[in-house]
Amino acid sequence: IAQSGTVGQTVRLSPAYVQPIASDDVADAMADVALSAPANAM
């Protein structure tokens, strides 16, 4: 993300909110979903 906004030595990015998640937490969630019934939803 930093690289995508870099021009020279300046990184220009939106000040919008983000809520970043670690890949370990994502993998925990995906494993749990794999062992659960389909939600047929998001």
ModelCIF file with pLDDT and N, C-alpha, C, O atoms, coordinates in Angstrom:
data_MODEL
#
_entry.id   MODEL 
#
_entity.id                         1 
_entity.type                       polymer 
_entity.pdbx_number_of_molecules   1 
#
_entity_poly.entity_id                      1 
_entity_poly.type                           'polypeptide(L)' 
_entity_poly.nstd_linkage                   no 
_entity_poly.nstd_monomer                   no 
_entity_poly.pdbx_seq_one_letter_code       IAQSGTVGQTVRLSPAYVQPIASDDVADAMADVALSAPANAM 
_entity_poly.pdbx_seq_one_letter_code_can   IAQSGTVGQTVRLSPAYVQPIASDDVADAMADVALSAPANAM 
_entity_poly.pdbx_strand_id                 A 
#
loop_
_entity_poly_seq.entity_id 
_entity_poly_seq.num 
_entity_poly_seq.mon_id 
_entity_poly_seq.hetero 
1 1  ILE n 
1 2  ALA n 
1 3  GLN n 
1 4  SER n 
1 5  GLY n 
1 6  THR n 
1 7  VAL n 
1 8  GLY n 
1 9  GLN n 
1 10 THR n 
1 11 VAL n 
1 12 ARG n 
1 13 LEU n 
1 14 SER n 
1 15 PRO n 
1 16 ALA n 
1 17 TYR n 
1 18 VAL n 
1 19 GLN n 
1 20 PRO n 
1 21 ILE n 
1 22 ALA n 
1 23 SER n 
1 24 ASP n 
1 25 ASP n 
1 26 VAL n 
1 27 ALA n 
1 28 ASP n 
1 29 ALA n 
1 30 MET n 
1 31 ALA n 
1 32 ASP n 
1 33 VAL n 
1 34 ALA n 
1 35 LEU n 
1 36 SER n 
1 37 ALA n 
1 38 PRO n 
1 39 ALA n 
1 40 ASN n 
1 41 ALA n 
1 42 MET n 
#
_struct_asym.id          A 
_struct_asym.entity_id   1 
#
loop_
_ma_qa_metric.id 
_ma_qa_metric.mode 
_ma_qa_metric.name 
_ma_qa_metric.software_group_id 
_ma_qa_metric.type 
1 global pLDDT . pLDDT 
2 local  pLDDT . pLDDT 
#
_ma_qa_metric_global.metric_id      1 
_ma_qa_metric_global.metric_value   97.07 
_ma_qa_metric_global.model_id       1 
_ma_qa_metric_global.ordinal_id     1 
#
loop_
_ma_qa_metric_local.label_asym_id 
_ma_qa_metric_local.label_comp_id 
_ma_qa_metric_local.label_seq_id 
_ma_qa_metric_local.metric_id 
_ma_qa_metric_local.metric_value 
_ma_qa_metric_local.model_id 
_ma_qa_metric_local.ordinal_id 
A ILE 1  2 96.00 1 1  
A ALA 2  2 96.00 1 2  
A GLN 3  2 95.00 1 3  
A SER 4  2 93.00 1 4  
A GLY 5  2 95.00 1 5  
A THR 6  2 96.00 1 6  
A VAL 7  2 95.00 1 7  
A GLY 8  2 96.00 1 8  
A GLN 9  2 96.00 1 9  
A THR 10 2 97.00 1 10 
A VAL 11 2 97.00 1 11 
A ARG 12 2 97.00 1 12 
A LEU 13 2 97.00 1 13 
A SER 14 2 97.00 1 14 
A PRO 15 2 98.00 1 15 
A ALA 16 2 98.00 1 16 
A TYR 17 2 97.00 1 17 
A VAL 18 2 97.00 1 18 
A GLN 19 2 97.00 1 19 
A PRO 20 2 97.00 1 20 
A ILE 21 2 98.00 1 21 
A ALA 22 2 97.00 1 22 
A SER 23 2 97.00 1 23 
A ASP 24 2 97.00 1 24 
A ASP 25 2 98.00 1 25 
A VAL 26 2 98.00 1 26 
A ALA 27 2 98.00 1 27 
A ASP 28 2 98.00 1 28 
A ALA 29 2 98.00 1 29 
A MET 30 2 98.00 1 30 
A ALA 31 2 98.00 1 31 
A ASP 32 2 98.00 1 32 
A VAL 33 2 98.00 1 33 
A ALA 34 2 98.00 1 34 
A LEU 35 2 98.00 1 35 
A SER 36 2 98.00 1 36 
A ALA 37 2 98.00 1 37 
A PRO 38 2 98.00 1 38 
A ALA 39 2 98.00 1 39 
A ASN 40 2 98.00 1 40 
A ALA 41 2 97.00 1 41 
A MET 42 2 96.00 1 42 
#
loop_
_atom_site.group_PDB 
_atom_site.id 
_atom_site.type_symbol 
_atom_site.label_atom_id 
_atom_site.label_alt_id 
_atom_site.label_comp_id 
_atom_site.label_asym_id 
_atom_site.label_entity_id 
_atom_site.label_seq_id 
_atom_site.pdbx_PDB_ins_code 
_atom_site.Cartn_x 
_atom_site.Cartn_y 
_atom_site.Cartn_z 
_atom_site.occupancy 
_atom_site.B_iso_or_equiv 
_atom_site.pdbx_formal_charge 
_atom_site.auth_seq_id 
_atom_site.auth_comp_id 
_atom_site.auth_asym_id 
_atom_site.auth_atom_id 
_atom_site.pdbx_PDB_model_num 
ATOM 1   N N  . ILE A 1 1  ? 0.848   -1.196  0.000  1.00 96.00 ? 1  ILE A N  1 
ATOM 2   C CA . ILE A 1 1  ? 0.000   0.000   0.000  1.00 96.00 ? 1  ILE A CA 1 
ATOM 3   C C  . ILE A 1 1  ? 0.887   1.250   0.000  1.00 96.00 ? 1  ILE A C  1 
ATOM 4   O O  . ILE A 1 1  ? 0.619   2.211   -0.721 1.00 96.00 ? 1  ILE A O  1 
ATOM 5   N N  . ALA A 1 2  ? 1.938   1.224   0.813  1.00 96.00 ? 2  ALA A N  1 
ATOM 6   C CA . ALA A 1 2  ? 2.869   2.361   0.834  1.00 96.00 ? 2  ALA A CA 1 
ATOM 7   C C  . ALA A 1 2  ? 3.505   2.559   -0.537 1.00 96.00 ? 2  ALA A C  1 
ATOM 8   O O  . ALA A 1 2  ? 3.627   3.685   -1.018 1.00 96.00 ? 2  ALA A O  1 
ATOM 9   N N  . GLN A 1 3  ? 3.907   1.461   -1.159 1.00 95.00 ? 3  GLN A N  1 
ATOM 10  C CA . GLN A 1 3  ? 4.546   1.555   -2.467 1.00 95.00 ? 3  GLN A CA 1 
ATOM 11  C C  . GLN A 1 3  ? 3.597   2.128   -3.506 1.00 95.00 ? 3  GLN A C  1 
ATOM 12  O O  . GLN A 1 3  ? 4.010   2.888   -4.381 1.00 95.00 ? 3  GLN A O  1 
ATOM 13  N N  . SER A 1 4  ? 2.318   1.760   -3.408 1.00 93.00 ? 4  SER A N  1 
ATOM 14  C CA . SER A 1 4  ? 1.330   2.214   -4.405 1.00 93.00 ? 4  SER A CA 1 
ATOM 15  C C  . SER A 1 4  ? 1.137   3.726   -4.368 1.00 93.00 ? 4  SER A C  1 
ATOM 16  O O  . SER A 1 4  ? 0.742   4.325   -5.368 1.00 93.00 ? 4  SER A O  1 
ATOM 17  N N  . GLY A 1 5  ? 1.414   4.351   -3.213 1.00 95.00 ? 5  GLY A N  1 
ATOM 18  C CA . GLY A 1 5  ? 1.225   5.797   -3.100 1.00 95.00 ? 5  GLY A CA 1 
ATOM 19  C C  . GLY A 1 5  ? 2.511   6.593   -3.129 1.00 95.00 ? 5  GLY A C  1 
ATOM 20  O O  . GLY A 1 5  ? 2.506   7.793   -2.854 1.00 95.00 ? 5  GLY A O  1 
ATOM 21  N N  . THR A 1 6  ? 3.624   5.933   -3.461 1.00 96.00 ? 6  THR A N  1 
ATOM 22  C CA . THR A 1 6  ? 4.931   6.586   -3.385 1.00 96.00 ? 6  THR A CA 1 
ATOM 23  C C  . THR A 1 6  ? 5.301   7.309   -4.679 1.00 96.00 ? 6  THR A C  1 
ATOM 24  O O  . THR A 1 6  ? 5.249   6.739   -5.769 1.00 96.00 ? 6  THR A O  1 
ATOM 25  N N  . VAL A 1 7  ? 5.676   8.576   -4.528 1.00 95.00 ? 7  VAL A N  1 
ATOM 26  C CA . VAL A 1 7  ? 6.310   9.344   -5.605 1.00 95.00 ? 7  VAL A CA 1 
ATOM 27  C C  . VAL A 1 7  ? 7.547   9.970   -4.997 1.00 95.00 ? 7  VAL A C  1 
ATOM 28  O O  . VAL A 1 7  ? 7.444   10.809  -4.102 1.00 95.00 ? 7  VAL A O  1 
ATOM 29  N N  . GLY A 1 8  ? 8.715   9.572   -5.472 1.00 96.00 ? 8  GLY A N  1 
ATOM 30  C CA . GLY A 1 8  ? 9.955   10.055  -4.869 1.00 96.00 ? 8  GLY A CA 1 
ATOM 31  C C  . GLY A 1 8  ? 10.078  9.542   -3.447 1.00 96.00 ? 8  GLY A C  1 
ATOM 32  O O  . GLY A 1 8  ? 10.054  8.333   -3.211 1.00 96.00 ? 8  GLY A O  1 
ATOM 33  N N  . GLN A 1 9  ? 10.210  10.460  -2.497 1.00 96.00 ? 9  GLN A N  1 
ATOM 34  C CA . GLN A 1 9  ? 10.321  10.088  -1.078 1.00 96.00 ? 9  GLN A CA 1 
ATOM 35  C C  . GLN A 1 9  ? 9.049   10.398  -0.298 1.00 96.00 ? 9  GLN A C  1 
ATOM 36  O O  . GLN A 1 9  ? 9.055   10.428  0.933  1.00 96.00 ? 9  GLN A O  1 
ATOM 37  N N  . THR A 1 10 ? 7.944   10.633  -1.037 1.00 97.00 ? 10 THR A N  1 
ATOM 38  C CA . THR A 1 10 ? 6.676   10.962  -0.392 1.00 97.00 ? 10 THR A CA 1 
ATOM 39  C C  . THR A 1 10 ? 5.630   9.887   -0.695 1.00 97.00 ? 10 THR A C  1 
ATOM 40  O O  . THR A 1 10 ? 5.471   9.451   -1.835 1.00 97.00 ? 10 THR A O  1 
ATOM 41  N N  . VAL A 1 11 ? 4.929   9.477   0.352  1.00 97.00 ? 11 VAL A N  1 
ATOM 42  C CA . VAL A 1 11 ? 3.840   8.506   0.193  1.00 97.00 ? 11 VAL A CA 1 
ATOM 43  C C  . VAL A 1 11 ? 2.531   9.255   0.399  1.00 97.00 ? 11 VAL A C  1 
ATOM 44  O O  . VAL A 1 11 ? 2.236   9.707   1.505  1.00 97.00 ? 11 VAL A O  1 
ATOM 45  N N  . ARG A 1 12 ? 1.754   9.385   -0.658 1.00 97.00 ? 12 ARG A N  1 
ATOM 46  C CA . ARG A 1 12 ? 0.502   10.137  -0.601 1.00 97.00 ? 12 ARG A CA 1 
ATOM 47  C C  . ARG A 1 12 ? -0.659  9.151   -0.527 1.00 97.00 ? 12 ARG A C  1 
ATOM 48  O O  . ARG A 1 12 ? -0.891  8.386   -1.463 1.00 97.00 ? 12 ARG A O  1 
ATOM 49  N N  . LEU A 1 13 ? -1.383  9.171   0.582  1.00 97.00 ? 13 LEU A N  1 
ATOM 50  C CA . LEU A 1 13 ? -2.452  8.208   0.808  1.00 97.00 ? 13 LEU A CA 1 
ATOM 51  C C  . LEU A 1 13 ? -3.679  8.887   1.388  1.00 97.00 ? 13 LEU A C  1 
ATOM 52  O O  . LEU A 1 13 ? -3.593  9.951   2.002  1.00 97.00 ? 13 LEU A O  1 
ATOM 53  N N  . SER A 1 14 ? -4.814  8.255   1.183  1.00 97.00 ? 14 SER A N  1 
ATOM 54  C CA . SER A 1 14 ? -6.068  8.742   1.752  1.00 97.00 ? 14 SER A CA 1 
ATOM 55  C C  . SER A 1 14 ? -6.029  8.661   3.282  1.00 97.00 ? 14 SER A C  1 
ATOM 56  O O  . SER A 1 14 ? -5.439  7.736   3.839  1.00 97.00 ? 14 SER A O  1 
ATOM 57  N N  . PRO A 1 15 ? -6.661  9.633   3.962  1.00 98.00 ? 15 PRO A N  1 
ATOM 58  C CA . PRO A 1 15 ? -6.786  9.552   5.418  1.00 98.00 ? 15 PRO A CA 1 
ATOM 59  C C  . PRO A 1 15 ? -8.023  8.771   5.858  1.00 98.00 ? 15 PRO A C  1 
ATOM 60  O O  . PRO A 1 15 ? -8.392  8.817   7.031  1.00 98.00 ? 15 PRO A O  1 
ATOM 61  N N  . ALA A 1 16 ? -8.669  8.056   4.937  1.00 98.00 ? 16 ALA A N  1 
ATOM 62  C CA . ALA A 1 16 ? -9.861  7.283   5.274  1.00 98.00 ? 16 ALA A CA 1 
ATOM 63  C C  . ALA A 1 16 ? -9.524  6.187   6.288  1.00 98.00 ? 16 ALA A C  1 
ATOM 64  O O  . ALA A 1 16 ? -8.388  5.721   6.372  1.00 98.00 ? 16 ALA A O  1 
ATOM 65  N N  . TYR A 1 17 ? -10.531 5.795   7.044  1.00 97.00 ? 17 TYR A N  1 
ATOM 66  C CA . TYR A 1 17 ? -10.320 4.742   8.045  1.00 97.00 ? 17 TYR A CA 1 
ATOM 67  C C  . TYR A 1 17 ? -10.102 3.384   7.391  1.00 97.00 ? 17 TYR A C  1 
ATOM 68  O O  . TYR A 1 17 ? -10.709 3.056   6.371  1.00 97.00 ? 17 TYR A O  1 
ATOM 69  N N  . VAL A 1 18 ? -9.209  2.597   8.013  1.00 97.00 ? 18 VAL A N  1 
ATOM 70  C CA . VAL A 1 18 ? -9.036  1.187   7.688  1.00 97.00 ? 18 VAL A CA 1 
ATOM 71  C C  . VAL A 1 18 ? -9.108  0.414   9.004  1.00 97.00 ? 18 VAL A C  1 
ATOM 72  O O  . VAL A 1 18 ? -9.009  0.992   10.087 1.00 97.00 ? 18 VAL A O  1 
ATOM 73  N N  . GLN A 1 19 ? -9.281  -0.895  8.890  1.00 97.00 ? 19 GLN A N  1 
ATOM 74  C CA . GLN A 1 19 ? -9.393  -1.751  10.079 1.00 97.00 ? 19 GLN A CA 1 
ATOM 75  C C  . GLN A 1 19 ? -8.595  -3.029  9.806  1.00 97.00 ? 19 GLN A C  1 
ATOM 76  O O  . GLN A 1 19 ? -9.171  -4.111  9.692  1.00 97.00 ? 19 GLN A O  1 
ATOM 77  N N  . PRO A 1 20 ? -7.262  -2.898  9.700  1.00 97.00 ? 20 PRO A N  1 
ATOM 78  C CA . PRO A 1 20 ? -6.451  -3.992  9.170  1.00 97.00 ? 20 PRO A CA 1 
ATOM 79  C C  . PRO A 1 20 ? -6.454  -5.230  10.064 1.00 97.00 ? 20 PRO A C  1 
ATOM 80  O O  . PRO A 1 20 ? -6.569  -5.143  11.286 1.00 97.00 ? 20 PRO A O  1 
ATOM 81  N N  . ILE A 1 21 ? -6.325  -6.380  9.414  1.00 98.00 ? 21 ILE A N  1 
ATOM 82  C CA . ILE A 1 21 ? -6.360  -7.668  10.103 1.00 98.00 ? 21 ILE A CA 1 
ATOM 83  C C  . ILE A 1 21 ? -5.099  -8.455  9.764  1.00 98.00 ? 21 ILE A C  1 
ATOM 84  O O  . ILE A 1 21 ? -4.628  -8.423  8.627  1.00 98.00 ? 21 ILE A O  1 
ATOM 85  N N  . ALA A 1 22 ? -4.561  -9.155  10.742 1.00 97.00 ? 22 ALA A N  1 
ATOM 86  C CA . ALA A 1 22 ? -3.365  -9.970  10.533 1.00 97.00 ? 22 ALA A CA 1 
ATOM 87  C C  . ALA A 1 22 ? -3.742  -11.256 9.808  1.00 97.00 ? 22 ALA A C  1 
ATOM 88  O O  . ALA A 1 22 ? -4.836  -11.786 10.000 1.00 97.00 ? 22 ALA A O  1 
ATOM 89  N N  . SER A 1 23 ? -2.837  -11.752 8.982  1.00 97.00 ? 23 SER A N  1 
ATOM 90  C CA . SER A 1 23 ? -3.120  -12.969 8.205  1.00 97.00 ? 23 SER A CA 1 
ATOM 91  C C  . SER A 1 23 ? -3.398  -14.169 9.102  1.00 97.00 ? 23 SER A C  1 
ATOM 92  O O  . SER A 1 23 ? -4.161  -15.054 8.715  1.00 97.00 ? 23 SER A O  1 
ATOM 93  N N  . ASP A 1 24 ? -2.797  -14.221 10.293 1.00 97.00 ? 24 ASP A N  1 
ATOM 94  C CA . ASP A 1 24 ? -3.083  -15.335 11.209 1.00 97.00 ? 24 ASP A CA 1 
ATOM 95  C C  . ASP A 1 24 ? -4.549  -15.318 11.645 1.00 97.00 ? 24 ASP A C  1 
ATOM 96  O O  . ASP A 1 24 ? -5.172  -16.373 11.764 1.00 97.00 ? 24 ASP A O  1 
ATOM 97  N N  . ASP A 1 25 ? -5.099  -14.130 11.882 1.00 98.00 ? 25 ASP A N  1 
ATOM 98  C CA . ASP A 1 25 ? -6.519  -14.032 12.241 1.00 98.00 ? 25 ASP A CA 1 
ATOM 99  C C  . ASP A 1 25 ? -7.412  -14.407 11.060 1.00 98.00 ? 25 ASP A C  1 
ATOM 100 O O  . ASP A 1 25 ? -8.462  -15.022 11.245 1.00 98.00 ? 25 ASP A O  1 
ATOM 101 N N  . VAL A 1 26 ? -6.995  -14.037 9.839  1.00 98.00 ? 26 VAL A N  1 
ATOM 102 C CA . VAL A 1 26 ? -7.760  -14.412 8.647  1.00 98.00 ? 26 VAL A CA 1 
ATOM 103 C C  . VAL A 1 26 ? -7.789  -15.928 8.497  1.00 98.00 ? 26 VAL A C  1 
ATOM 104 O O  . VAL A 1 26 ? -8.844  -16.512 8.248  1.00 98.00 ? 26 VAL A O  1 
ATOM 105 N N  . ALA A 1 27 ? -6.627  -16.566 8.650  1.00 98.00 ? 27 ALA A N  1 
ATOM 106 C CA . ALA A 1 27 ? -6.551  -18.020 8.502  1.00 98.00 ? 27 ALA A CA 1 
ATOM 107 C C  . ALA A 1 27 ? -7.373  -18.738 9.567  1.00 98.00 ? 27 ALA A C  1 
ATOM 108 O O  . ALA A 1 27 ? -8.009  -19.752 9.277  1.00 98.00 ? 27 ALA A O  1 
ATOM 109 N N  . ASP A 1 28 ? -7.367  -18.224 10.792 1.00 98.00 ? 28 ASP A N  1 
ATOM 110 C CA . ASP A 1 28 ? -8.220  -18.811 11.835 1.00 98.00 ? 28 ASP A CA 1 
ATOM 111 C C  . ASP A 1 28 ? -9.683  -18.776 11.420 1.00 98.00 ? 28 ASP A C  1 
ATOM 112 O O  . ASP A 1 28 ? -10.412 -19.754 11.580 1.00 98.00 ? 28 ASP A O  1 
ATOM 113 N N  . ALA A 1 29 ? -10.101 -17.633 10.884 1.00 98.00 ? 29 ALA A N  1 
ATOM 114 C CA . ALA A 1 29 ? -11.493 -17.482 10.461 1.00 98.00 ? 29 ALA A CA 1 
ATOM 115 C C  . ALA A 1 29 ? -11.831 -18.403 9.295  1.00 98.00 ? 29 ALA A C  1 
ATOM 116 O O  . ALA A 1 29 ? -12.888 -19.033 9.284  1.00 98.00 ? 29 ALA A O  1 
ATOM 117 N N  . MET A 1 30 ? -10.929 -18.482 8.310  1.00 98.00 ? 30 MET A N  1 
ATOM 118 C CA . MET A 1 30 ? -11.201 -19.329 7.140  1.00 98.00 ? 30 MET A CA 1 
ATOM 119 C C  . MET A 1 30 ? -11.301 -20.801 7.530  1.00 98.00 ? 30 MET A C  1 
ATOM 120 O O  . MET A 1 30 ? -12.142 -21.526 6.998  1.00 98.00 ? 30 MET A O  1 
ATOM 121 N N  . ALA A 1 31 ? -10.459 -21.245 8.448  1.00 98.00 ? 31 ALA A N  1 
ATOM 122 C CA . ALA A 1 31 ? -10.520 -22.636 8.907  1.00 98.00 ? 31 ALA A CA 1 
ATOM 123 C C  . ALA A 1 31 ? -11.844 -22.904 9.619  1.00 98.00 ? 31 ALA A C  1 
ATOM 124 O O  . ALA A 1 31 ? -12.454 -23.955 9.424  1.00 98.00 ? 31 ALA A O  1 
ATOM 125 N N  . ASP A 1 32 ? -12.287 -21.958 10.441 1.00 98.00 ? 32 ASP A N  1 
ATOM 126 C CA . ASP A 1 32 ? -13.557 -22.136 11.141 1.00 98.00 ? 32 ASP A CA 1 
ATOM 127 C C  . ASP A 1 32 ? -14.732 -22.184 10.164 1.00 98.00 ? 32 ASP A C  1 
ATOM 128 O O  . ASP A 1 32 ? -15.646 -22.993 10.328 1.00 98.00 ? 32 ASP A O  1 
ATOM 129 N N  . VAL A 1 33 ? -14.705 -21.318 9.149  1.00 98.00 ? 33 VAL A N  1 
ATOM 130 C CA . VAL A 1 33 ? -15.777 -21.304 8.156  1.00 98.00 ? 33 VAL A CA 1 
ATOM 131 C C  . VAL A 1 33 ? -15.802 -22.620 7.383  1.00 98.00 ? 33 VAL A C  1 
ATOM 132 O O  . VAL A 1 33 ? -16.872 -23.141 7.068  1.00 98.00 ? 33 VAL A O  1 
ATOM 133 N N  . ALA A 1 34 ? -14.608 -23.160 7.077  1.00 98.00 ? 34 ALA A N  1 
ATOM 134 C CA . ALA A 1 34 ? -14.520 -24.423 6.328  1.00 98.00 ? 34 ALA A CA 1 
ATOM 135 C C  . ALA A 1 34 ? -15.179 -25.567 7.073  1.00 98.00 ? 34 ALA A C  1 
ATOM 136 O O  . ALA A 1 34 ? -15.658 -26.519 6.457  1.00 98.00 ? 34 ALA A O  1 
ATOM 137 N N  . LEU A 1 35 ? -15.206 -25.482 8.395  1.00 98.00 ? 35 LEU A N  1 
ATOM 138 C CA . LEU A 1 35 ? -15.770 -26.559 9.206  1.00 98.00 ? 35 LEU A CA 1 
ATOM 139 C C  . LEU A 1 35 ? -17.177 -26.235 9.701  1.00 98.00 ? 35 LEU A C  1 
ATOM 140 O O  . LEU A 1 35 ? -17.715 -26.935 10.559 1.00 98.00 ? 35 LEU A O  1 
ATOM 141 N N  . SER A 1 36 ? -17.766 -25.179 9.160  1.00 98.00 ? 36 SER A N  1 
ATOM 142 C CA . SER A 1 36 ? -19.125 -24.768 9.529  1.00 98.00 ? 36 SER A CA 1 
ATOM 143 C C  . SER A 1 36 ? -20.073 -24.998 8.358  1.00 98.00 ? 36 SER A C  1 
ATOM 144 O O  . SER A 1 36 ? -19.640 -25.229 7.229  1.00 98.00 ? 36 SER A O  1 
ATOM 145 N N  . ALA A 1 37 ? -21.359 -24.933 8.639  1.00 98.00 ? 37 ALA A N  1 
ATOM 146 C CA . ALA A 1 37 ? -22.365 -25.069 7.584  1.00 98.00 ? 37 ALA A CA 1 
ATOM 147 C C  . ALA A 1 37 ? -22.325 -23.844 6.677  1.00 98.00 ? 37 ALA A C  1 
ATOM 148 O O  . ALA A 1 37 ? -21.996 -22.750 7.135  1.00 98.00 ? 37 ALA A O  1 
ATOM 149 N N  . PRO A 1 38 ? -22.656 -24.012 5.385  1.00 98.00 ? 38 PRO A N  1 
ATOM 150 C CA . PRO A 1 38 ? -22.688 -22.850 4.484  1.00 98.00 ? 38 PRO A CA 1 
ATOM 151 C C  . PRO A 1 38 ? -23.642 -21.777 4.997  1.00 98.00 ? 38 PRO A C  1 
ATOM 152 O O  . PRO A 1 38 ? -24.741 -22.088 5.456  1.00 98.00 ? 38 PRO A O  1 
ATOM 153 N N  . ALA A 1 39 ? -23.226 -20.520 4.920  1.00 98.00 ? 39 ALA A N  1 
ATOM 154 C CA . ALA A 1 39 ? -24.081 -19.412 5.337  1.00 98.00 ? 39 ALA A CA 1 
ATOM 155 C C  . ALA A 1 39 ? -25.030 -18.999 4.221  1.00 98.00 ? 39 ALA A C  1 
ATOM 156 O O  . ALA A 1 39 ? -26.070 -18.389 4.468  1.00 98.00 ? 39 ALA A O  1 
ATOM 157 N N  . ASN A 1 40 ? -24.653 -19.347 2.968  1.00 98.00 ? 40 ASN A N  1 
ATOM 158 C CA . ASN A 1 40 ? -25.381 -18.845 1.791  1.00 98.00 ? 40 ASN A CA 1 
ATOM 159 C C  . ASN A 1 40 ? -25.558 -17.329 1.890  1.00 98.00 ? 40 ASN A C  1 
ATOM 160 O O  . ASN A 1 40 ? -26.617 -16.772 1.599  1.00 98.00 ? 40 ASN A O  1 
ATOM 161 N N  . ALA A 1 41 ? -24.480 -16.704 2.311  1.00 97.00 ? 41 ALA A N  1 
ATOM 162 C CA . ALA A 1 41 ? -24.478 -15.254 2.528  1.00 97.00 ? 41 ALA A CA 1 
ATOM 163 C C  . ALA A 1 41 ? -23.030 -14.802 2.656  1.00 97.00 ? 41 ALA A C  1 
ATOM 164 O O  . ALA A 1 41 ? -22.096 -15.602 2.597  1.00 97.00 ? 41 ALA A O  1 
ATOM 165 N N  . MET A 1 42 ? -22.877 -13.498 2.832  1.00 96.00 ? 42 MET A N  1 
ATOM 166 C CA . MET A 1 42 ? -21.566 -12.912 3.047  1.00 96.00 ? 42 MET A CA 1 
ATOM 167 C C  . MET A 1 42 ? -21.381 -12.646 4.535  1.00 96.00 ? 42 MET A C  1 
ATOM 168 O O  . MET A 1 42 ? -20.334 -12.148 4.947  1.00 96.00 ? 42 MET A O  1 
#
